[in-house]
């Protein structure tokens, strides 16, 4: 594809984005204060004994008070009732299990995260030799048991630890991973976690790994390096994933981000890598890139087996906001992919998805 043809394809896309930015629907500001709270399994808060010892009725009261404080004039409907009952049952079971399995801890509890459960459904329409439609279901359960002797946690996930964060969900299998996480109990290693488990699907395998993810902050500049090391009992073998996220908030409700990642295993084509840039507006939090707001993201994917090869270019527009209370989110936007395997022909598409957050009321309010 020559330069002139690429320009003709990209100009209408850029024009469409500019129309969206000038539209009152998409330029509505968010009333919440700007925050860079880590809401994608990175939020770390101290859990005191009062929270750990919360009984079933106290948890129910917190959930009801959280919902009433959002809209005191609203009445409970069937969605609220189903969500309240589900969230209440989940967190009550976790607290009770922690009390049953745990023991009295003389030392202070380390800085830990509360249990979180996320359910996401994403759809994609793509013009690729005809209109194609895909659906991706993503589930993540992080169950923290800080009272146990080894500071254990359990997790159930449909995403493997060796996935590049920006990979197309349609091109990644959705295995079911069940495992045990050892939360670091030493304050001198607050960013280090280890885990082990089993992948349950048509190609089952055992796996184990460690994650080191510190967070450095200087005023409005954040640096979050991550190093993962893992082993799978199948052909994946030993491997690692190295990433670096740089966030800069030059002014209120503006986020500039650079994200770099590289994956290497015994089964990959040398080193597989990703480089993404994001310009986000009216942002709050970092869950799924933008908690509430909109932005443009440009990504490049490739691999290196001696000489570097670019596999895909992608430019996308992301619009994300909560559509009901603080636990139901939607995300939508168009995108254009240029694949090396298709001689760089433009492949337009559109994504739409919803996320349900089964979090503790304190975390939903913070996110």
Protein backbone atom coordinates (compact mmCIF):
# COMPACT_ATOMS: atom_id res chain seq x y z
CA UNK A 1 0.00 0.00 0.00
CA UNK A 2 1.56 3.35 -1.05
CA UNK A 3 1.65 6.48 1.06
CA UNK A 4 -1.12 8.27 -0.84
CA UNK A 5 -3.56 5.39 -0.35
CA UNK A 6 -2.77 5.20 3.35
CA UNK A 7 -3.41 8.93 3.65
CA UNK A 8 -6.77 8.64 1.91
CA UNK A 9 -7.79 5.91 4.33
CA UNK A 10 -6.63 7.65 7.49
CA UNK A 11 -8.06 11.11 6.70
CA UNK A 12 -11.75 10.05 7.03
CA UNK A 13 -10.91 8.23 10.27
CA UNK A 14 -9.20 11.31 11.73
CA UNK A 15 -12.10 13.49 10.57
CA UNK A 16 -14.54 11.17 12.37
CA UNK A 17 -12.51 11.41 15.57
CA UNK A 18 -12.46 15.21 15.37
CA UNK A 19 -16.25 15.24 15.01
CA UNK A 20 -16.56 13.07 18.12
CA UNK A 21 -14.33 15.40 20.12
CA UNK A 22 -16.45 18.43 19.25
CA UNK A 23 -19.70 16.60 20.02
CA UNK A 24 -21.30 17.58 23.37
CA UNK A 25 -22.04 13.90 24.04
CA UNK A 26 -18.37 12.98 24.14
CA UNK A 27 -16.98 16.21 25.60
CA UNK A 28 -18.98 16.02 28.81
CA UNK A 29 -16.53 16.47 31.68
CA UNK A 30 -16.32 14.13 34.63
CA UNK A 31 -17.19 15.60 38.02
CA UNK A 32 -14.86 13.32 39.93
CA UNK A 33 -11.39 14.59 40.79
CA UNK A 34 -8.55 13.33 38.65
CA UNK A 35 -6.82 10.31 40.15
CA UNK A 36 -4.18 7.89 38.97
CA UNK A 37 -5.37 5.18 41.34
CA UNK A 38 -4.35 1.74 40.14
CA UNK A 39 -7.72 0.05 39.58
CA UNK A 40 -6.53 -2.78 37.31
CA UNK A 41 -5.36 -5.03 40.11
CA UNK A 42 -2.74 -2.41 41.15
CA UNK A 43 -4.64 -0.51 43.85
CA UNK A 44 -2.83 -1.17 47.16
CA UNK A 45 -4.54 -0.15 50.38
CA UNK A 46 -3.86 -1.11 53.98
CA UNK A 47 -6.39 -3.60 55.33
CA UNK A 48 -6.88 -3.10 59.03
CA UNK A 49 -8.33 -5.61 61.40
CA UNK A 50 -11.73 -3.92 61.42
CA UNK A 51 -12.16 -4.60 57.72
CA UNK A 52 -10.87 -8.14 58.02
CA UNK A 53 -13.29 -8.97 60.85
CA UNK A 54 -16.35 -7.48 59.14
CA UNK A 55 -19.35 -9.75 59.57
CA UNK A 56 -22.08 -10.58 57.08
CA UNK A 57 -24.50 -7.89 58.25
CA UNK A 58 -21.84 -5.16 58.31
CA UNK A 59 -20.85 -5.94 54.73
CA UNK A 60 -24.49 -5.70 53.67
CA UNK A 61 -24.82 -2.33 55.41
CA UNK A 62 -21.74 -0.99 53.62
CA UNK A 63 -23.07 -2.03 50.22
CA UNK A 64 -26.48 -0.48 50.90
CA UNK A 65 -24.96 2.74 52.24
CA UNK A 66 -22.66 3.01 49.22
CA UNK A 67 -25.58 2.74 46.82
CA UNK A 68 -27.77 5.14 48.79
CA UNK A 69 -25.02 7.77 48.93
CA UNK A 70 -24.73 7.73 45.14
CA UNK A 71 -28.41 8.58 44.56
CA UNK A 72 -30.52 8.93 47.70
CA UNK A 73 -33.70 9.49 45.69
CA UNK A 74 -33.38 6.34 43.61
CA UNK A 75 -35.30 3.20 44.43
CA UNK A 76 -33.97 -0.31 44.35
CA UNK A 77 -34.79 -2.09 41.10
CA UNK A 78 -34.10 -5.61 39.98
CA UNK A 79 -30.57 -4.73 38.78
CA UNK A 80 -29.66 -3.27 42.17
CA UNK A 81 -31.18 -6.24 43.98
CA UNK A 82 -29.31 -8.81 41.90
CA UNK A 83 -26.04 -6.91 42.13
CA UNK A 84 -26.35 -6.32 45.90
CA UNK A 85 -27.17 -9.95 46.60
CA UNK A 86 -24.30 -11.21 44.41
CA UNK A 87 -21.73 -8.77 45.75
CA UNK A 88 -22.83 -9.39 49.32
CA UNK A 89 -22.60 -13.17 48.92
CA UNK A 90 -19.18 -13.05 47.25
CA UNK A 91 -17.45 -10.83 49.80
CA UNK A 92 -19.15 -12.46 52.78
CA UNK A 93 -17.90 -15.85 51.63
CA UNK A 94 -14.35 -14.49 51.24
CA UNK A 95 -14.32 -13.01 54.76
CA UNK A 96 -15.72 -16.19 56.27
CA UNK A 97 -13.22 -18.36 54.39
CA UNK A 98 -10.36 -16.14 55.54
CA UNK A 99 -11.52 -16.43 59.16
CA UNK A 100 -11.86 -20.21 58.86
CA UNK A 101 -8.49 -20.80 57.18
CA UNK A 102 -6.58 -18.05 58.93
CA UNK A 103 -5.02 -17.63 62.33
CA UNK A 104 -4.19 -14.76 64.62
CA UNK A 105 -1.33 -12.68 63.23
CA UNK A 106 0.91 -10.94 65.76
CA UNK A 107 2.66 -8.76 63.23
CA UNK A 108 0.92 -6.01 61.34
CA UNK A 109 -0.89 -6.98 58.20
CA UNK A 110 1.12 -5.99 55.13
CA UNK A 111 -0.20 -3.58 52.56
CA UNK A 112 -2.68 -5.74 50.71
CA UNK A 113 -5.51 -5.37 48.23
CA UNK A 114 -9.07 -6.39 48.86
CA UNK A 115 -10.70 -9.14 46.87
CA UNK A 116 -12.04 -8.10 43.47
CA UNK A 117 -14.16 -9.77 40.83
CA UNK A 118 -14.45 -8.40 37.28
CA UNK A 119 -16.67 -9.64 34.46
CA UNK A 120 -16.26 -8.15 30.98
CA UNK A 121 -18.01 -8.88 27.69
CA UNK A 122 -16.47 -7.38 24.55
CA UNK A 123 -17.74 -7.48 20.99
CA UNK A 124 -15.99 -6.54 17.76
CA UNK A 125 -17.27 -5.82 14.26
CA UNK A 126 -14.59 -5.90 11.57
CA UNK A 127 -14.63 -5.46 7.80
CA UNK A 128 -12.31 -8.24 6.70
CA UNK A 129 -13.40 -9.90 3.47
CA UNK A 130 -16.95 -9.20 4.60
CA UNK A 131 -18.39 -8.14 7.92
CA UNK A 132 -17.13 -10.33 10.78
CA UNK A 133 -18.37 -10.44 14.36
CA UNK A 134 -16.59 -11.69 17.46
CA UNK A 135 -17.42 -11.96 21.16
CA UNK A 136 -14.87 -12.19 23.98
CA UNK A 137 -15.71 -13.05 27.60
CA UNK A 138 -13.16 -12.06 30.23
CA UNK A 139 -13.39 -12.94 33.93
CA UNK A 140 -11.00 -12.28 36.78
CA UNK A 141 -11.38 -13.16 40.45
CA UNK A 142 -8.68 -12.02 42.89
CA UNK A 143 -9.44 -13.54 46.29
CA UNK A 144 -7.21 -12.24 49.07
CA UNK A 145 -6.80 -14.27 52.28
CA UNK A 146 -4.50 -12.08 54.42
CA UNK A 147 -5.18 -13.99 57.67
CA UNK A 148 -3.70 -17.23 56.36
CA UNK A 149 -0.24 -18.10 57.59
CA UNK A 150 1.39 -17.75 54.19
CA UNK A 151 -0.61 -14.67 53.15
CA UNK A 152 -2.29 -16.66 50.40
CA UNK A 153 -4.63 -15.53 47.72
CA UNK A 154 -6.60 -17.40 45.08
CA UNK A 155 -7.27 -16.33 41.53
CA UNK A 156 -9.46 -17.48 38.66
CA UNK A 157 -8.79 -15.84 35.31
CA UNK A 158 -9.38 -16.17 31.58
CA UNK A 159 -6.16 -14.31 30.72
CA UNK A 160 -2.74 -15.94 30.74
CA UNK A 161 0.22 -14.22 32.44
CA UNK A 162 2.24 -14.23 29.22
CA UNK A 163 -0.26 -12.17 27.19
CA UNK A 164 0.83 -8.79 25.86
CA UNK A 165 -1.60 -6.24 27.38
CA UNK A 166 -2.57 -4.81 24.01
CA UNK A 167 -3.13 -8.06 22.17
CA UNK A 168 -6.36 -8.39 20.22
CA UNK A 169 -8.76 -10.45 22.38
CA UNK A 170 -10.11 -12.09 19.24
CA UNK A 171 -6.69 -13.56 18.49
CA UNK A 172 -6.07 -14.89 22.00
CA UNK A 173 -7.58 -18.07 23.39
CA UNK A 174 -9.61 -17.79 26.57
CA UNK A 175 -8.23 -20.49 28.87
CA UNK A 176 -9.44 -20.93 32.42
CA UNK A 177 -6.61 -20.45 34.90
CA UNK A 178 -7.00 -21.45 38.54
CA UNK A 179 -4.16 -20.80 40.91
CA UNK A 180 -2.71 -19.87 44.27
CA UNK A 181 -0.94 -16.56 44.90
CA UNK A 182 1.60 -15.96 47.64
CA UNK A 183 1.30 -12.34 48.67
CA UNK A 184 4.53 -10.82 49.85
CA UNK A 185 4.38 -10.54 53.64
CA UNK A 186 7.61 -8.58 53.99
CA UNK A 187 7.49 -4.83 53.85
CA UNK A 188 10.91 -4.72 52.25
CA UNK A 189 9.49 -6.60 49.26
CA UNK A 190 6.06 -4.94 48.92
CA UNK A 191 5.94 -5.24 45.12
CA UNK A 192 6.80 -8.93 44.77
CA UNK A 193 4.20 -11.67 44.32
CA UNK A 194 4.49 -15.31 43.29
CA UNK A 195 1.83 -17.67 41.99
CA UNK A 196 1.23 -21.22 40.78
CA UNK A 197 -1.74 -23.04 39.31
CA UNK A 198 -3.22 -25.05 36.49
CA UNK A 199 -4.70 -24.10 33.13
CA UNK A 200 -7.99 -25.89 32.52
CA UNK A 201 -8.94 -26.18 28.86
CA UNK A 202 -8.36 -28.48 25.88
CA UNK A 203 -4.60 -28.24 26.47
CA UNK A 204 -4.20 -28.30 30.28
CA UNK A 205 -0.89 -27.34 31.80
CA UNK A 206 0.69 -26.45 35.12
CA UNK A 207 2.28 -23.03 35.56
CA UNK A 208 4.19 -20.97 38.10
CA UNK A 209 5.69 -17.51 38.13
CA UNK A 210 6.70 -14.33 39.93
CA UNK A 211 5.76 -10.68 39.37
CA UNK A 212 7.73 -7.60 40.42
CA UNK A 213 5.78 -4.36 39.91
CA UNK A 214 6.96 -1.22 41.75
CA UNK A 215 5.36 2.18 41.33
CA UNK A 216 7.41 5.39 41.35
CA UNK A 217 5.75 8.80 41.47
CA UNK A 218 7.11 12.35 41.13
CA UNK A 219 4.41 15.00 41.15
CA UNK A 220 2.40 14.33 37.98
CA UNK A 221 4.81 11.78 36.51
CA UNK A 222 4.47 8.04 37.18
CA UNK A 223 6.82 5.18 36.27
CA UNK A 224 5.54 1.60 36.57
CA UNK A 225 8.01 -1.08 35.46
CA UNK A 226 6.89 -4.72 35.55
CA UNK A 227 8.89 -7.90 35.31
CA UNK A 228 7.19 -11.28 35.05
CA UNK A 229 8.93 -14.63 35.03
CA UNK A 230 6.88 -17.79 34.41
CA UNK A 231 7.01 -21.46 33.48
CA UNK A 232 4.38 -23.60 31.75
CA UNK A 233 4.53 -27.37 31.57
CA UNK A 234 3.51 -27.36 27.88
CA UNK A 235 5.44 -26.09 24.84
CA UNK A 236 5.49 -22.53 26.25
CA UNK A 237 8.19 -23.56 28.71
CA UNK A 238 10.19 -20.85 30.46
CA UNK A 239 9.54 -17.25 29.61
CA UNK A 240 9.19 -13.69 30.76
CA UNK A 241 7.35 -10.45 30.07
CA UNK A 242 8.99 -7.08 30.61
CA UNK A 243 7.01 -3.85 30.43
CA UNK A 244 7.39 -0.17 31.23
CA UNK A 245 4.51 2.27 31.61
CA UNK A 246 5.13 6.02 31.73
CA UNK A 247 2.23 8.27 32.72
CA UNK A 248 2.30 12.06 32.66
CA UNK A 249 -0.55 14.33 33.70
CA UNK A 250 0.52 17.78 32.45
CA UNK A 251 -2.81 19.31 33.44
CA UNK A 252 -6.12 18.34 34.96
CA UNK A 253 -8.07 15.71 33.02
CA UNK A 254 -5.27 15.09 30.53
CA UNK A 255 -3.23 11.86 30.50
CA UNK A 256 -0.26 11.09 28.25
CA UNK A 257 0.95 7.51 28.36
CA UNK A 258 3.69 5.43 26.79
CA UNK A 259 3.58 1.67 27.21
CA UNK A 260 6.33 -0.72 26.09
CA UNK A 261 6.28 -4.49 26.50
CA UNK A 262 8.31 -7.48 25.31
CA UNK A 263 7.52 -11.20 25.66
CA UNK A 264 9.92 -14.09 25.25
CA UNK A 265 9.20 -17.80 25.73
CA UNK A 266 10.46 -21.07 24.30
CA UNK A 267 7.49 -21.05 21.89
CA UNK A 268 7.53 -17.43 20.64
CA UNK A 269 9.16 -16.16 17.48
CA UNK A 270 12.16 -14.64 19.18
CA UNK A 271 11.00 -11.57 21.10
CA UNK A 272 7.43 -10.39 20.55
CA UNK A 273 6.86 -6.75 21.45
CA UNK A 274 4.32 -3.95 21.72
CA UNK A 275 4.63 -0.16 21.80
CA UNK A 276 1.57 1.96 22.52
CA UNK A 277 0.87 5.66 23.02
CA UNK A 278 -2.30 7.06 24.57
CA UNK A 279 -3.70 10.58 24.77
CA UNK A 280 -6.62 10.55 27.20
CA UNK A 281 -9.05 13.27 28.27
CA UNK A 282 -11.33 13.55 31.32
CA UNK A 283 -9.68 10.47 32.77
CA UNK A 284 -10.06 8.98 36.21
CA UNK A 285 -8.21 5.85 37.21
CA UNK A 286 -6.48 3.41 34.90
CA UNK A 287 -8.85 0.45 34.67
CA UNK A 288 -8.98 -0.79 31.05
CA UNK A 289 -6.84 2.22 30.02
CA UNK A 290 -9.50 4.83 30.83
CA UNK A 291 -11.89 4.65 33.75
CA UNK A 292 -14.09 7.54 32.66
CA UNK A 293 -13.08 9.50 29.60
CA UNK A 294 -12.02 9.23 25.99
CA UNK A 295 -8.79 9.17 24.07
CA UNK A 296 -6.80 8.11 21.04
CA UNK A 297 -4.44 5.14 21.20
CA UNK A 298 -1.77 4.19 18.66
CA UNK A 299 -0.11 0.76 18.91
CA UNK A 300 2.57 -1.15 17.04
CA UNK A 301 3.10 -4.91 17.39
CA UNK A 302 5.99 -6.94 16.05
CA UNK A 303 8.58 -9.61 16.68
CA UNK A 304 12.36 -9.92 16.38
CA UNK A 305 14.13 -13.09 15.32
CA UNK A 306 17.31 -11.42 14.10
CA UNK A 307 15.85 -8.56 12.13
CA UNK A 308 12.89 -6.67 13.57
CA UNK A 309 9.56 -7.24 11.82
CA UNK A 310 6.42 -5.13 12.35
CA UNK A 311 3.26 -7.24 12.31
CA UNK A 312 0.46 -4.76 13.01
CA UNK A 313 -0.29 -1.05 13.26
CA UNK A 314 -3.45 -0.02 15.10
CA UNK A 315 -5.10 3.32 15.73
CA UNK A 316 -8.22 3.41 17.88
CA UNK A 317 -10.56 5.79 19.63
CA UNK A 318 -11.62 4.80 23.17
CA UNK A 319 -14.68 6.13 24.95
CA UNK A 320 -15.39 4.73 28.41
CA UNK A 321 -17.78 5.70 31.17
CA UNK A 322 -19.98 4.24 33.89
CA UNK A 323 -23.52 3.76 32.62
CA UNK A 324 -25.13 2.64 35.88
CA UNK A 325 -24.02 3.48 39.41
CA UNK A 326 -20.27 2.95 39.89
CA UNK A 327 -20.10 -0.72 39.01
CA UNK A 328 -21.35 -1.01 35.42
CA UNK A 329 -19.12 0.44 32.69
CA UNK A 330 -19.27 0.57 28.92
CA UNK A 331 -16.45 1.05 26.46
CA UNK A 332 -16.81 1.68 22.72
CA UNK A 333 -14.96 3.11 19.78
CA UNK A 334 -13.78 2.58 16.18
CA UNK A 335 -10.37 1.29 15.21
CA UNK A 336 -8.31 0.63 12.10
CA UNK A 337 -5.74 -2.19 11.86
CA UNK A 338 -3.00 -2.52 9.25
CA UNK A 339 -1.73 -6.12 9.12
CA UNK A 340 1.56 -7.16 7.56
CA UNK A 341 -0.02 -10.46 6.49
CA UNK A 342 -2.63 -8.50 4.49
CA UNK A 343 -0.06 -6.30 2.70
CA UNK A 344 -0.96 -3.39 5.01
CA UNK A 345 -4.50 -3.06 3.73
CA UNK A 346 -6.69 -1.08 6.14
CA UNK A 347 -9.07 -3.22 8.21
CA UNK A 348 -11.66 -1.00 9.92
CA UNK A 349 -13.59 -2.21 12.93
CA UNK A 350 -15.68 -1.16 15.89
CA UNK A 351 -15.57 -2.42 19.49
CA UNK A 352 -18.19 -2.33 22.21
CA UNK A 353 -18.03 -3.87 25.66
CA UNK A 354 -19.37 -3.76 29.20
CA UNK A 355 -17.59 -4.36 32.51
CA UNK A 356 -19.20 -5.32 35.82
CA UNK A 357 -17.15 -4.65 38.96
CA UNK A 358 -17.92 -6.82 41.97
CA UNK A 359 -15.69 -4.85 44.33
CA UNK A 360 -15.89 -3.87 47.97
CA UNK A 361 -17.81 -0.57 48.38
CA UNK A 362 -14.62 1.21 49.51
CA UNK A 363 -12.86 0.31 46.26
CA UNK A 364 -15.81 1.18 44.02
CA UNK A 365 -15.94 4.60 45.64
CA UNK A 366 -12.18 5.04 45.15
CA UNK A 367 -12.24 3.86 41.54
